[in-house]
Amino acid sequence: MMGRVSLSLFLPWSIMTGVALAQDVDLINLRELYYGASKSASVTETFVNKVNAIPHDTPLLRGYRGMGSLLKASHAFNPYSKIQYFREGRAMLEEAIREDPQNPELRFFRYSVQTNAPFFLGYSEDIKNDEELLVGYAEGTFSSKGEEDLRIRVRDYLRERKVLRESTNEPKRNR
């Protein structure tokens, strides 16, 4: 009983801080694999297999699973398969965001997909809201190594999109 109480107290804390039980998930390494997956179908398969093998089901991990399907869509040759993977990934990501709407990593996933998705897919309605949240997140201070890693990735992406100035964390656009 004491073990269950300890776990029930630890689990919400681990989810809130983005740390999903260290024995099963190294979030920084999972991120590295995810970012490498955009360059290669074989790395995408490795990423999808790894994230699907994680026994936990948190909104963040569901978001990673959704991004795995979206990456599979980007590597698929068959247009039907592309659309199926896209729809599957989008649904998983949106479900994860509904469950944890303030999670900056999930919102960053959606923002990066929506800012790159072809117009005809009609998946761009949350760009402005996600961008506002991410600019605020990028301007914050670091509280852990995993969070610092994500903040740097968010900052780099926002700078690449010219939302943040290169030399500062200030937004380029008026909010």
Protein backbone atom coordinates (compact mmCIF):
# COMPACT_ATOMS: atom_id res chain seq x y z
CA MET A 1 0.00 0.00 0.00
CA MET A 2 2.80 2.42 0.86
CA GLY A 3 4.44 1.78 -2.54
CA ARG A 4 1.19 2.66 -4.32
CA VAL A 5 0.83 5.86 -2.28
CA SER A 6 4.40 6.88 -3.10
CA LEU A 7 3.89 6.16 -6.79
CA SER A 8 0.59 8.02 -6.86
CA LEU A 9 2.31 11.08 -5.35
CA PHE A 10 5.32 10.81 -7.69
CA LEU A 11 3.46 10.23 -10.95
CA PRO A 12 1.63 13.59 -11.14
CA TRP A 13 4.87 15.40 -10.29
CA SER A 14 6.79 13.51 -12.99
CA ILE A 15 4.16 14.30 -15.62
CA MET A 16 4.01 17.99 -14.65
CA THR A 17 7.75 18.39 -14.98
CA GLY A 18 7.90 16.45 -18.24
CA VAL A 19 9.88 13.61 -16.72
CA ALA A 20 8.23 10.27 -17.44
CA LEU A 21 9.69 7.71 -15.04
CA ALA A 22 13.40 7.83 -15.71
CA GLN A 23 13.90 4.05 -15.82
CA ASP A 24 11.80 3.85 -19.01
CA VAL A 25 12.12 7.25 -20.69
CA ASP A 26 15.09 9.51 -21.18
CA LEU A 27 13.27 12.52 -22.59
CA ILE A 28 16.37 14.21 -24.01
CA ASN A 29 17.41 11.06 -25.90
CA LEU A 30 13.84 10.54 -27.09
CA ARG A 31 13.85 14.13 -28.40
CA GLU A 32 17.16 13.54 -30.17
CA LEU A 33 15.76 10.47 -31.87
CA TYR A 34 12.59 12.36 -32.80
CA TYR A 35 14.50 15.24 -34.38
CA GLY A 36 16.68 12.79 -36.31
CA ALA A 37 13.60 10.97 -37.57
CA SER A 38 12.58 13.84 -39.83
CA LYS A 39 15.63 13.12 -41.99
CA SER A 40 15.19 9.39 -42.52
CA ALA A 41 12.42 6.82 -42.83
CA SER A 42 14.56 4.21 -41.06
CA VAL A 43 15.20 6.53 -38.10
CA THR A 44 11.46 7.28 -38.06
CA GLU A 45 10.73 3.55 -37.73
CA THR A 46 13.27 3.29 -34.91
CA PHE A 47 11.67 6.28 -33.18
CA VAL A 48 8.13 4.89 -33.62
CA ASN A 49 9.16 1.48 -32.29
CA LYS A 50 10.92 3.03 -29.29
CA VAL A 51 8.06 5.35 -28.32
CA ASN A 52 5.46 2.61 -28.82
CA ALA A 53 7.46 0.28 -26.58
CA ILE A 54 7.22 2.69 -23.63
CA PRO A 55 4.55 1.21 -21.35
CA HIS A 56 3.33 4.54 -19.92
CA ASP A 57 0.45 6.49 -21.39
CA THR A 58 0.82 10.17 -20.60
CA PRO A 59 -0.33 13.05 -22.78
CA LEU A 60 3.30 13.82 -23.63
CA LEU A 61 4.03 10.26 -24.73
CA ARG A 62 0.77 10.22 -26.70
CA GLY A 63 1.99 13.40 -28.38
CA TYR A 64 5.27 11.70 -29.27
CA ARG A 65 3.32 8.75 -30.68
CA GLY A 66 1.24 11.16 -32.74
CA MET A 67 4.39 12.82 -34.05
CA GLY A 68 5.65 9.36 -35.02
CA SER A 69 2.60 8.91 -37.25
CA LEU A 70 3.04 12.40 -38.67
CA LEU A 71 6.67 11.61 -39.46
CA LYS A 72 5.59 8.38 -41.15
CA ALA A 73 3.25 10.52 -43.28
CA SER A 74 6.17 12.68 -44.37
CA HIS A 75 8.15 9.61 -45.51
CA ALA A 76 5.28 7.69 -47.13
CA PHE A 77 5.14 7.54 -50.94
CA ASN A 78 1.53 6.43 -51.36
CA PRO A 79 -0.81 9.48 -51.10
CA TYR A 80 -3.48 7.41 -49.35
CA SER A 81 -0.95 6.27 -46.73
CA LYS A 82 0.26 9.85 -46.28
CA ILE A 83 -3.26 11.05 -45.51
CA GLN A 84 -3.99 8.09 -43.18
CA TYR A 85 -0.79 8.61 -41.18
CA PHE A 86 -1.44 12.35 -41.07
CA ARG A 87 -4.99 11.93 -39.77
CA GLU A 88 -3.90 9.35 -37.20
CA GLY A 89 -1.03 11.51 -35.95
CA ARG A 90 -3.11 14.67 -35.86
CA ALA A 91 -5.84 12.95 -33.82
CA MET A 92 -3.33 11.60 -31.27
CA LEU A 93 -1.60 14.97 -30.95
CA GLU A 94 -4.87 16.88 -30.55
CA GLU A 95 -6.07 14.39 -27.93
CA ALA A 96 -2.82 14.83 -25.99
CA ILE A 97 -3.17 18.63 -26.13
CA ARG A 98 -6.79 18.45 -24.94
CA GLU A 99 -5.56 16.49 -21.91
CA ASP A 100 -2.58 18.80 -21.22
CA PRO A 101 -3.25 22.11 -23.00
CA GLN A 102 -0.47 24.07 -21.31
CA ASN A 103 2.31 21.56 -22.08
CA PRO A 104 4.82 23.56 -24.15
CA GLU A 105 6.28 20.48 -25.82
CA LEU A 106 2.91 19.32 -27.11
CA ARG A 107 2.10 22.83 -28.31
CA PHE A 108 5.53 23.02 -29.96
CA PHE A 109 4.80 19.78 -31.79
CA ARG A 110 1.51 21.15 -33.09
CA TYR A 111 3.04 24.51 -33.99
CA SER A 112 5.85 22.87 -35.95
CA VAL A 113 3.38 20.67 -37.84
CA GLN A 114 0.93 23.47 -38.57
CA THR A 115 3.61 25.87 -39.77
CA ASN A 116 4.87 23.23 -42.22
CA ALA A 117 1.67 21.43 -43.26
CA PRO A 118 0.41 22.02 -46.80
CA PHE A 119 -2.49 24.47 -46.94
CA PHE A 120 -4.91 21.93 -48.44
CA LEU A 121 -4.79 19.84 -45.24
CA GLY A 122 -6.53 22.66 -43.39
CA TYR A 123 -4.40 22.28 -40.28
CA SER A 124 -3.34 25.79 -39.33
CA GLU A 125 -5.99 27.13 -36.95
CA ASP A 126 -3.84 27.12 -33.80
CA ILE A 127 -0.64 28.73 -35.09
CA LYS A 128 -1.21 32.12 -33.44
CA ASN A 129 -2.22 30.74 -30.02
CA ASP A 130 0.61 28.21 -29.98
CA GLU A 131 3.10 30.86 -31.07
CA GLU A 132 2.07 33.15 -28.20
CA LEU A 133 2.46 30.36 -25.66
CA LEU A 134 5.84 29.33 -27.11
CA VAL A 135 7.22 32.87 -27.15
CA GLY A 136 6.31 33.16 -23.47
CA TYR A 137 7.91 29.80 -22.81
CA ALA A 138 11.10 30.72 -24.70
CA GLU A 139 11.42 33.90 -22.66
CA GLY A 140 11.25 32.01 -19.33
CA THR A 141 14.05 30.70 -17.19
CA PHE A 142 15.30 27.13 -17.07
CA SER A 143 14.35 24.91 -14.18
CA SER A 144 15.78 21.54 -15.23
CA LYS A 145 18.12 20.02 -17.80
CA GLY A 146 15.25 18.52 -19.80
CA GLU A 147 13.38 21.79 -19.78
CA GLU A 148 16.48 23.70 -20.85
CA ASP A 149 16.88 21.33 -23.81
CA LEU A 150 13.28 21.96 -24.91
CA ARG A 151 13.52 25.73 -24.39
CA ILE A 152 16.61 25.89 -26.58
CA ARG A 153 14.84 23.91 -29.31
CA VAL A 154 11.79 26.18 -29.10
CA ARG A 155 13.97 29.31 -29.21
CA ASP A 156 15.92 28.05 -32.20
CA TYR A 157 12.75 27.21 -34.11
CA LEU A 158 11.13 30.57 -33.30
CA ARG A 159 14.30 32.36 -34.39
CA GLU A 160 14.40 30.33 -37.60
CA ARG A 161 10.79 31.39 -38.29
CA LYS A 162 11.82 34.97 -37.43
CA VAL A 163 9.42 35.18 -34.51
CA LEU A 164 12.28 35.93 -32.07
CA ARG A 165 15.27 38.16 -32.75
CA GLU A 166 18.60 36.38 -33.16
CA SER A 167 20.43 38.26 -30.39
CA THR A 168 17.65 38.26 -27.79
CA ASN A 169 14.58 36.38 -26.69
CA GLU A 170 12.34 39.31 -27.62
CA PRO A 171 9.52 38.60 -30.03
CA LYS A 172 9.89 40.26 -33.42
CA ARG A 173 6.15 40.69 -33.87
CA ASN A 174 3.77 42.59 -31.68
CA ARG A 175 1.59 40.30 -29.66
